[in-house]
C-alpha atoms as a PDB file:
ATOM      1  CA  MET A   1       0.000   0.000   0.000  1.00  0.00           C
ATOM      2  CA  GLU A   2       1.301   3.436  -0.931  1.00  0.00           C
ATOM      3  CA  ARG A   3       1.943   5.675   2.060  1.00  0.00           C
ATOM      4  CA  SER A   4       3.191   9.197   2.562  1.00  0.00           C
ATOM      5  CA  VAL A   5       5.046  10.949   5.354  1.00  0.00           C
ATOM      6  CA  VAL A   6       5.925  14.548   6.156  1.00  0.00           C
ATOM      7  CA  VAL A   7       9.371  15.407   7.531  1.00  0.00           C
ATOM      8  CA  THR A   8       9.878  18.937   8.831  1.00  0.00           C
ATOM      9  CA  GLY A   9      13.299  20.484   8.513  1.00  0.00           C
ATOM     10  CA  ALA A  10      14.166  17.976   5.810  1.00  0.00           C
ATOM     11  CA  GLY A  11      16.724  20.144   4.052  1.00  0.00           C
ATOM     12  CA  ALA A  12      19.782  19.287   6.125  1.00  0.00           C
ATOM     13  CA  GLY A  13      21.166  17.365   9.059  1.00  0.00           C
ATOM     14  CA  ILE A  14      18.940  14.898  10.885  1.00  0.00           C
ATOM     15  CA  GLY A  15      15.880  15.864   8.863  1.00  0.00           C
ATOM     16  CA  ARG A  16      17.608  15.207   5.582  1.00  0.00           C
ATOM     17  CA  ALA A  17      18.932  11.855   6.796  1.00  0.00           C
ATOM     18  CA  ILE A  18      15.440  10.827   7.933  1.00  0.00           C
ATOM     19  CA  ALA A  19      13.817  11.961   4.695  1.00  0.00           C
ATOM     20  CA  GLU A  20      16.326  10.052   2.565  1.00  0.00           C
ATOM     21  CA  ARG A  21      16.070   6.907   4.705  1.00  0.00           C
ATOM     22  CA  LEU A  22      12.265   6.890   4.553  1.00  0.00           C
ATOM     23  CA  ALA A  23      12.321   7.418   0.798  1.00  0.00           C
ATOM     24  CA  ALA A  24      14.669   4.450   0.475  1.00  0.00           C
ATOM     25  CA  ASP A  25      12.202   2.439   2.577  1.00  0.00           C
ATOM     26  CA  GLY A  26       9.407   3.141   0.100  1.00  0.00           C
ATOM     27  CA  TRP A  27       7.652   6.112   1.658  1.00  0.00           C
ATOM     28  CA  GLN A  28       6.402   9.027  -0.433  1.00  0.00           C
ATOM     29  CA  VAL A  29       8.273  11.730   1.474  1.00  0.00           C
ATOM     30  CA  VAL A  30       7.246  15.381   1.578  1.00  0.00           C
ATOM     31  CA  GLY A  31       9.778  17.686   3.181  1.00  0.00           C
ATOM     32  CA  LEU A  32       8.721  20.930   4.850  1.00  0.00           C
ATOM     33  CA  VAL A  33      11.705  23.258   4.413  1.00  0.00           C
ATOM     34  CA  ARG A  34      12.362  26.943   4.865  1.00  0.00           C
ATOM     35  CA  SER A  35      14.193  27.241   1.555  1.00  0.00           C
ATOM     36  CA  ALA A  36      13.620  24.949  -1.398  1.00  0.00           C
ATOM     37  CA  GLU A  37      16.791  26.309  -2.972  1.00  0.00           C
ATOM     38  CA  ARG A  38      18.909  25.312   0.029  1.00  0.00           C
ATOM     39  CA  ALA A  39      17.189  21.909   0.107  1.00  0.00           C
ATOM     40  CA  ARG A  40      17.863  21.091  -3.536  1.00  0.00           C
ATOM     41  CA  GLU A  41      20.169  18.177  -2.668  1.00  0.00           C
ATOM     42  CA  VAL A  42      17.513  16.279  -0.705  1.00  0.00           C
ATOM     43  CA  ALA A  43      14.890  17.198  -3.317  1.00  0.00           C
ATOM     44  CA  ALA A  44      16.422  14.681  -5.711  1.00  0.00           C
ATOM     45  CA  SER A  45      15.797  11.845  -3.260  1.00  0.00           C
ATOM     46  CA  ILE A  46      12.240  12.513  -2.071  1.00  0.00           C
ATOM     47  CA  ALA A  47       8.807  12.976  -3.609  1.00  0.00           C
ATOM     48  CA  ALA A  48       8.193  16.662  -2.960  1.00  0.00           C
ATOM     49  CA  LEU A  49       9.170  19.785  -1.046  1.00  0.00           C
ATOM     50  CA  VAL A  50       6.879  22.332   0.552  1.00  0.00           C
ATOM     51  CA  GLU A  51       8.519  25.653   1.280  1.00  0.00           C
ATOM     52  CA  GLY A  52       7.387  27.085   4.588  1.00  0.00           C
ATOM     53  CA  ASP A  53       8.119  27.716   8.232  1.00  0.00           C
ATOM     54  CA  ALA A  54       7.582  24.907  10.729  1.00  0.00           C
ATOM     55  CA  SER A  55       6.609  27.464  13.378  1.00  0.00           C
ATOM     56  CA  VAL A  56       3.606  28.501  11.240  1.00  0.00           C
ATOM     57  CA  ARG A  57       0.461  26.437  11.744  1.00  0.00           C
ATOM     58  CA  ALA A  58      -0.857  26.801   8.190  1.00  0.00           C
ATOM     59  CA  ASP A  59       2.384  25.546   6.642  1.00  0.00           C
ATOM     60  CA  HIS A  60       1.933  22.174   8.347  1.00  0.00           C
ATOM     61  CA  GLY A  61      -1.508  21.985   6.788  1.00  0.00           C
ATOM     62  CA  ARG A  62      -0.043  22.657   3.362  1.00  0.00           C
ATOM     63  CA  ALA A  63       2.541  19.925   3.870  1.00  0.00           C
ATOM     64  CA  ALA A  64      -0.134  17.443   4.933  1.00  0.00           C
ATOM     65  CA  ALA A  65      -2.228  18.280   1.876  1.00  0.00           C
ATOM     66  CA  ALA A  66       0.771  17.824  -0.441  1.00  0.00           C
ATOM     67  CA  ALA A  67       1.522  14.433   1.083  1.00  0.00           C
ATOM     68  CA  ARG A  68      -2.083  13.260   0.793  1.00  0.00           C
ATOM     69  CA  GLU A  69      -2.071  14.099  -2.892  1.00  0.00           C
ATOM     70  CA  LEU A  70       0.654  11.482  -3.303  1.00  0.00           C
ATOM     71  CA  ALA A  71      -0.669   8.730  -1.020  1.00  0.00           C
ATOM     72  CA  PRO A  72      -2.533   8.325   2.274  1.00  0.00           C
ATOM     73  CA  LEU A  73      -0.667  10.110   5.051  1.00  0.00           C
ATOM     74  CA  ARG A  74       0.523   7.425   7.489  1.00  0.00           C
ATOM     75  CA  GLY A  75       3.540   9.080   9.082  1.00  0.00           C
ATOM     76  CA  TRP A  76       4.800  12.412  10.383  1.00  0.00           C
ATOM     77  CA  VAL A  77       8.239  13.429  11.640  1.00  0.00           C
ATOM     78  CA  ASN A  78       8.587  16.679  13.571  1.00  0.00           C
ATOM     79  CA  ASN A  79      12.263  17.508  13.325  1.00  0.00           C
ATOM     80  CA  ALA A  80      12.763  21.214  12.590  1.00  0.00           C
ATOM     81  CA  GLY A  81      14.347  22.952  15.535  1.00  0.00           C
ATOM     82  CA  ILE A  82      16.910  25.436  16.740  1.00  0.00           C
ATOM     83  CA  THR A  83      19.519  25.428  19.511  1.00  0.00           C
ATOM     84  CA  GLN A  84      20.874  28.574  21.127  1.00  0.00           C
ATOM     85  CA  ARG A  85      22.238  29.439  24.557  1.00  0.00           C
ATOM     86  CA  THR A  86      19.674  31.155  26.771  1.00  0.00           C
ATOM     87  CA  PRO A  87      21.121  31.851  30.240  1.00  0.00           C
ATOM     88  CA  LEU A  88      18.289  33.026  32.479  1.00  0.00           C
ATOM     89  CA  HIS A  89      20.410  35.825  33.941  1.00  0.00           C
ATOM     90  CA  ASP A  90      21.020  37.309  30.492  1.00  0.00           C
ATOM     91  CA  LEU A  91      18.059  36.461  28.283  1.00  0.00           C
ATOM     92  CA  ASP A  92      17.420  37.763  24.793  1.00  0.00           C
ATOM     93  CA  GLU A  93      13.638  37.702  24.485  1.00  0.00           C
ATOM     94  CA  ALA A  94      13.718  37.474  20.700  1.00  0.00           C
ATOM     95  CA  VAL A  95      15.899  34.352  20.864  1.00  0.00           C
ATOM     96  CA  VAL A  96      13.669  32.722  23.475  1.00  0.00           C
ATOM     97  CA  ARG A  97      10.562  33.350  21.400  1.00  0.00           C
ATOM     98  CA  GLU A  98      12.241  31.963  18.279  1.00  0.00           C
ATOM     99  CA  ILE A  99      13.154  28.770  20.115  1.00  0.00           C
ATOM    100  CA  VAL A 100       9.699  28.338  21.627  1.00  0.00           C
ATOM    101  CA  ASP A 101       7.951  29.123  18.338  1.00  0.00           C
ATOM    102  CA  LEU A 102       9.888  26.495  16.401  1.00  0.00           C
ATOM    103  CA  ASN A 103      10.693  23.808  18.983  1.00  0.00           C
ATOM    104  CA  GLY A 104       7.430  24.208  20.872  1.00  0.00           C
ATOM    105  CA  TYR A 105       4.561  25.469  18.777  1.00  0.00           C
ATOM    106  CA  GLY A 106       6.034  23.895  15.646  1.00  0.00           C
ATOM    107  CA  TYR A 107       5.674  20.434  17.162  1.00  0.00           C
ATOM    108  CA  VAL A 108       2.139  21.151  18.363  1.00  0.00           C
ATOM    109  CA  TRP A 109       1.121  22.278  14.871  1.00  0.00           C
ATOM    110  CA  GLY A 110       2.780  19.217  13.322  1.00  0.00           C
ATOM    111  CA  CYS A 111       1.026  16.787  15.644  1.00  0.00           C
ATOM    112  CA  GLU A 112      -2.251  18.586  15.030  1.00  0.00           C
ATOM    113  CA  ALA A 113      -1.872  18.333  11.240  1.00  0.00           C
ATOM    114  CA  ALA A 114      -1.004  14.650  11.492  1.00  0.00           C
ATOM    115  CA  VAL A 115      -3.856  13.543  13.755  1.00  0.00           C
ATOM    116  CA  ARG A 116      -6.316  15.676  11.796  1.00  0.00           C
ATOM    117  CA  ALA A 117      -5.274  13.995   8.541  1.00  0.00           C
ATOM    118  CA  PHE A 118      -5.373  10.530  10.105  1.00  0.00           C
ATOM    119  CA  GLY A 119      -8.941  11.227  11.248  1.00  0.00           C
ATOM    120  CA  GLU A 120     -10.085  12.587   7.904  1.00  0.00           C
ATOM    121  CA  GLN A 121      -8.708   9.506   6.157  1.00  0.00           C
ATOM    122  CA  GLY A 122      -9.999   7.087   8.764  1.00  0.00           C
ATOM    123  CA  LEU A 123      -6.525   5.539   8.784  1.00  0.00           C
ATOM    124  CA  PRO A 124      -4.191   5.529  11.795  1.00  0.00           C
ATOM    125  CA  GLY A 125      -0.592   6.579  11.494  1.00  0.00           C
ATOM    126  CA  ALA A 126       2.576   7.132  13.494  1.00  0.00           C
ATOM    127  CA  ILE A 127       4.300  10.295  14.653  1.00  0.00           C
ATOM    128  CA  VAL A 128       7.983  10.644  15.504  1.00  0.00           C
ATOM    129  CA  ASN A 129       9.103  13.757  17.366  1.00  0.00           C
ATOM    130  CA  VAL A 130      12.825  14.427  17.280  1.00  0.00           C
ATOM    131  CA  SER A 131      13.537  15.533  20.839  1.00  0.00           C
ATOM    132  CA  SER A 132      16.814  15.620  22.732  1.00  0.00           C
ATOM    133  CA  VAL A 133      18.662  14.463  25.812  1.00  0.00           C
ATOM    134  CA  HIS A 134      17.936  18.025  26.920  1.00  0.00           C
ATOM    135  CA  GLY A 135      14.392  16.806  27.586  1.00  0.00           C
ATOM    136  CA  ARG A 136      15.590  14.536  30.400  1.00  0.00           C
ATOM    137  CA  ALA A 137      18.832  16.132  31.611  1.00  0.00           C
ATOM    138  CA  SER A 138      19.641  19.803  32.041  1.00  0.00           C
ATOM    139  CA  PHE A 139      22.510  21.635  30.388  1.00  0.00           C
ATOM    140  CA  ALA A 140      23.748  24.932  31.779  1.00  0.00           C
ATOM    141  CA  ASP A 141      22.597  28.104  30.023  1.00  0.00           C
ATOM    142  CA  HIS A 142      20.109  26.284  27.759  1.00  0.00           C
ATOM    143  CA  ALA A 143      16.939  27.189  29.660  1.00  0.00           C
ATOM    144  CA  ALA A 144      14.639  27.778  26.681  1.00  0.00           C
ATOM    145  CA  TYR A 145      15.925  24.795  24.706  1.00  0.00           C
ATOM    146  CA  ASP A 146      15.618  22.463  27.714  1.00  0.00           C
ATOM    147  CA  PHE A 147      12.102  23.807  28.307  1.00  0.00           C
ATOM    148  CA  THR A 148      10.970  23.028  24.774  1.00  0.00           C
ATOM    149  CA  LYS A 149      12.532  19.574  24.617  1.00  0.00           C
ATOM    150  CA  GLY A 150      10.871  18.542  27.860  1.00  0.00           C
ATOM    151  CA  GLY A 151       7.624  19.791  26.363  1.00  0.00           C
ATOM    152  CA  ILE A 152       8.124  17.692  23.232  1.00  0.00           C
ATOM    153  CA  ASP A 153       8.396  14.544  25.343  1.00  0.00           C
ATOM    154  CA  ALA A 154       5.192  15.481  27.198  1.00  0.00           C
ATOM    155  CA  LEU A 155       3.404  16.247  23.921  1.00  0.00           C
ATOM    156  CA  THR A 156       4.447  12.848  22.592  1.00  0.00           C
ATOM    157  CA  ARG A 157       2.890  11.102  25.576  1.00  0.00           C
ATOM    158  CA  ASN A 158      -0.292  13.137  25.183  1.00  0.00           C
ATOM    159  CA  VAL A 159      -0.720  12.135  21.539  1.00  0.00           C
ATOM    160  CA  ALA A 160      -0.083   8.489  22.391  1.00  0.00           C
ATOM    161  CA  VAL A 161      -2.663   8.516  25.194  1.00  0.00           C
ATOM    162  CA  SER A 162      -5.287  10.616  23.409  1.00  0.00           C
ATOM    163  CA  TYR A 163      -5.236   8.819  20.066  1.00  0.00           C
ATOM    164  CA  GLY A 164      -3.898   5.365  20.898  1.00  0.00           C
ATOM    165  CA  PRO A 165      -7.436   3.938  21.097  1.00  0.00           C
ATOM    166  CA  VAL A 166      -7.827   4.466  17.335  1.00  0.00           C
ATOM    167  CA  GLY A 167      -4.381   3.062  16.515  1.00  0.00           C
ATOM    168  CA  VAL A 168      -2.301   6.257  16.332  1.00  0.00           C
ATOM    169  CA  ARG A 169       1.205   5.882  17.758  1.00  0.00           C
ATOM    170  CA  ALA A 170       3.611   8.618  18.853  1.00  0.00           C
ATOM    171  CA  ASN A 171       7.193   8.342  20.032  1.00  0.00           C
ATOM    172  CA  ALA A 172      10.117  10.687  20.526  1.00  0.00           C
ATOM    173  CA  ILE A 173      13.819  10.323  19.858  1.00  0.00           C
ATOM    174  CA  ALA A 174      15.972  11.860  22.573  1.00  0.00           C
ATOM    175  CA  ALA A 175      19.023  12.501  20.444  1.00  0.00           C
ATOM    176  CA  GLY A 176      22.422  13.174  21.929  1.00  0.00           C
ATOM    177  CA  GLY A 177      25.158  15.016  20.078  1.00  0.00           C
ATOM    178  CA  VAL A 178      24.727  14.482  16.331  1.00  0.00           C
ATOM    179  CA  MET A 179      27.204  15.847  13.818  1.00  0.00           C
ATOM    180  CA  THR A 180      25.051  18.049  11.615  1.00  0.00           C
ATOM    181  CA  PRO A 181      25.762  21.386   9.904  1.00  0.00           C
ATOM    182  CA  HIS A 182      23.889  23.058  12.775  1.00  0.00           C
ATOM    183  CA  LEU A 183      26.087  21.385  15.426  1.00  0.00           C
ATOM    184  CA  ARG A 184      29.199  22.188  13.411  1.00  0.00           C
ATOM    185  CA  ARG A 185      28.277  25.885  13.436  1.00  0.00           C
ATOM    186  CA  TYR A 186      27.532  25.668  17.167  1.00  0.00           C
ATOM    187  CA  ILE A 187      30.936  24.097  17.836  1.00  0.00           C
ATOM    188  CA  ASP A 188      32.755  26.577  15.614  1.00  0.00           C
ATOM    189  CA  ALA A 189      31.155  29.475  17.511  1.00  0.00           C
ATOM    190  CA  ALA A 190      32.537  28.229  20.826  1.00  0.00           C
ATOM    191  CA  PRO A 191      35.521  30.066  22.347  1.00  0.00           C
ATOM    192  CA  ASP A 192      37.580  26.893  21.879  1.00  0.00           C
ATOM    193  CA  PRO A 193      35.964  24.818  19.083  1.00  0.00           C
ATOM    194  CA  ALA A 194      38.384  21.896  19.427  1.00  0.00           C
ATOM    195  CA  ALA A 195      37.702  21.613  23.141  1.00  0.00           C
ATOM    196  CA  ALA A 196      33.944  21.911  22.584  1.00  0.00           C
ATOM    197  CA  GLU A 197      33.966  19.096  20.029  1.00  0.00           C
ATOM    198  CA  ALA A 198      36.164  16.911  22.221  1.00  0.00           C
ATOM    199  CA  LYS A 199      33.858  17.435  25.192  1.00  0.00           C
ATOM    200  CA  LEU A 200      30.831  16.352  23.145  1.00  0.00           C
ATOM    201  CA  GLY A 201      32.652  13.289  21.876  1.00  0.00           C
ATOM    202  CA  GLU A 202      33.915  12.254  25.293  1.00  0.00           C
ATOM    203  CA  GLY A 203      30.581  12.655  27.069  1.00  0.00           C
ATOM    204  CA  PRO A 204      28.773   9.478  25.926  1.00  0.00           C
ATOM    205  CA  PRO A 205      30.139   6.075  27.009  1.00  0.00           C
ATOM    206  CA  LEU A 206      30.469   5.211  23.310  1.00  0.00           C
ATOM    207  CA  ARG A 207      32.929   8.122  23.142  1.00  0.00           C
ATOM    208  CA  ARG A 208      31.838   9.714  19.923  1.00  0.00           C
ATOM    209  CA  ILE A 209      29.313  12.059  18.330  1.00  0.00           C
ATOM    210  CA  ALA A 210      26.492  10.335  16.441  1.00  0.00           C
ATOM    211  CA  ARG A 211      25.948  10.376  12.706  1.00  0.00           C
ATOM    212  CA  ALA A 212      22.606  11.682  11.417  1.00  0.00           C
ATOM    213  CA  GLU A 213      21.997   8.333   9.708  1.00  0.00           C
ATOM    214  CA  GLU A 214      21.935   6.646  13.115  1.00  0.00           C
ATOM    215  CA  ILE A 215      19.034   8.836  14.223  1.00  0.00           C
ATOM    216  CA  ALA A 216      17.296   8.227  10.892  1.00  0.00           C
ATOM    217  CA  ALA A 217      17.485   4.464  11.408  1.00  0.00           C
ATOM    218  CA  VAL A 218      15.612   4.738  14.692  1.00  0.00           C
ATOM    219  CA  ALA A 219      13.013   7.079  13.165  1.00  0.00           C
ATOM    220  CA  ALA A 220      12.431   4.566  10.362  1.00  0.00           C
ATOM    221  CA  PHE A 221      11.951   1.790  12.909  1.00  0.00           C
ATOM    222  CA  LEU A 222       9.486   3.822  14.973  1.00  0.00           C
ATOM    223  CA  LEU A 223       7.359   4.473  11.883  1.00  0.00           C
ATOM    224  CA  SER A 224       7.468   0.839  10.798  1.00  0.00           C
ATOM    225  CA  LYS A 225       5.229  -2.124  11.580  1.00  0.00           C
ATOM    226  CA  GLU A 226       8.111  -3.553  13.592  1.00  0.00           C
ATOM    227  CA  ALA A 227       7.279  -0.939  16.243  1.00  0.00           C
ATOM    228  CA  SER A 228       3.521  -1.580  16.158  1.00  0.00           C
ATOM    229  CA  TYR A 229       3.212  -1.886  19.953  1.00  0.00           C
ATOM    230  CA  LEU A 230       5.623   0.899  20.839  1.00  0.00           C
ATOM    231  CA  SER A 231       3.991   4.212  21.734  1.00  0.00           C
ATOM    232  CA  GLY A 232       4.301   7.093  24.161  1.00  0.00           C
ATOM    233  CA  GLN A 233       8.041   6.595  24.630  1.00  0.00           C
ATOM    234  CA  SER A 234      11.110   8.795  24.404  1.00  0.00           C
ATOM    235  CA  ILE A 235      13.946   6.661  23.052  1.00  0.00           C
ATOM    236  CA  ALA A 236      17.417   7.920  23.971  1.00  0.00           C
ATOM    237  CA  VAL A 237      19.774   7.625  21.000  1.00  0.00           C
ATOM    238  CA  ASP A 238      22.707   9.152  22.802  1.00  0.00           C
ATOM    239  CA  GLY A 239      25.515   6.619  22.998  1.00  0.00           C
ATOM    240  CA  GLY A 240      24.594   5.896  26.602  1.00  0.00           C
ATOM    241  CA  TRP A 241      25.096   9.519  27.692  1.00  0.00           C
ATOM    242  CA  THR A 242      22.021   9.873  29.902  1.00  0.00           C
ATOM    243  CA  ALA A 243      22.604   6.425  31.428  1.00  0.00           C
ATOM    244  CA  ALA A 244      25.887   7.558  32.988  1.00  0.00           C
ATOM    245  CA  CYS A 245      26.342   9.349  36.300  1.00  0.00           C
ATOM    246  CA  ALA A 246      29.794  10.462  35.184  1.00  0.00           C
ATOM    247  CA  SER A 247      32.390   9.704  32.560  1.00  0.00           C
ATOM    248  CA  SER A 248      34.112   6.459  33.534  1.00  0.00           C
ATOM    249  CA  PRO A 249      37.267   5.046  31.938  1.00  0.00           C
ATOM    250  CA  VAL A 250      37.389   1.420  30.851  1.00  0.00           C
ATOM    251  CA  ASP A 251      39.885  -0.840  32.600  1.00  0.00           C
ATOM    252  CA  PRO A 252      42.959  -0.478  30.337  1.00  0.00           C
ATOM    253  CA  ALA A 253      43.675  -4.215  30.497  1.00  0.00           C
ATOM    254  CA  TYR A 254      40.159  -4.989  29.284  1.00  0.00           C
ATOM    255  CA  ALA A 255      40.233  -2.265  26.622  1.00  0.00           C
ATOM    256  CA  ALA A 256      43.477  -3.706  25.263  1.00  0.00           C
ATOM    257  CA  ARG A 257      41.584  -6.840  24.172  1.00  0.00           C
ATOM    258  CA  PHE A 258      39.772  -4.858  21.485  1.00  0.00           C
ATOM    259  CA  PRO A 259      41.709  -4.181  18.286  1.00  0.00           C
ATOM    260  CA  ALA A 260      39.554  -1.206  17.312  1.00  0.00           C
ATOM    261  CA  ALA A 261      40.045   2.153  18.964  1.00  0.00           C
ATOM    262  CA  ALA A 262      37.601   3.084  21.699  1.00  0.00           C
ATOM    263  CA  GLY A 263      34.566   4.873  20.354  1.00  0.00           C
ATOM    264  CA  SER A 264      34.735   3.304  16.908  1.00  0.00           C
ATOM    265  CA  ASP A 265      31.459   2.954  15.037  1.00  0.00           C
ATOM    266  CA  ASP A 266      32.817   0.440  12.535  1.00  0.00           C
ATOM    267  CA  ASP A 267      31.286  -2.553  14.313  1.00  0.00           C
ATOM    268  CA  ASP A 268      27.586  -3.223  14.822  1.00  0.00           C
ATOM    269  CA  GLY A 269      27.897  -3.167  18.603  1.00  0.00           C
ATOM    270  CA  GLY A 270      27.067  -6.850  18.935  1.00  0.00           C
ATOM    271  CA  ALA A 271      23.698  -6.712  17.189  1.00  0.00           C
ATOM    272  CA  GLY A 272      22.514 -10.160  16.239  1.00  0.00           C
END
């Protein structure tokens, strides 16, 4: 059966990786992007682009309509977001409002468009909200961002509880550090970019920053039939970061048994 999905912020980074993975999996993918020109690379891999702003309610409706023209809408990925420092003792109101508009209201409007379309079609679907480890652990001077990511996790649970009885599922991905163009700019703006990147890489027990494709793989699973009984959850894809009380070194004698360097992503981690 043909099926369509909307991915917000599909032009780059995690959104692009998700859009391309879902297209490869057979979905008719519609990307909601701020600039079709800047998203021209992903445009070659997916069914359609809708130019708009994910913080604007009506633009989600336009994306849903475009997807339904291709095939029944059965999936929705809220991904578009922004990260900026917002220390409470030195707040820039314009920055706070931008973060809340996109990371907060944008996800509400996306979930609304999805559940409305599912109801109009009489067909259930699945929603994936790209959240963050910031939704479950606090990071200094990120008050507004932490606030919105915690809200995304709560919104995900609400959708799962409110619409689960008709078969609608909703889950969130609590992503850790993911090497995207946005993160690269964030690192480069730090007083000591090399130290900032090293700190991000050393934080998770897996000792590295994630690739966008690794987040996309989990999003694809959450939208698939393989996850048919999984709903209302926030799945941490963070290399074990939020599972750790503190950074702990591996016993050198034990580590010496492994030929690959610590933190390598070359192996499948023991997956069967």
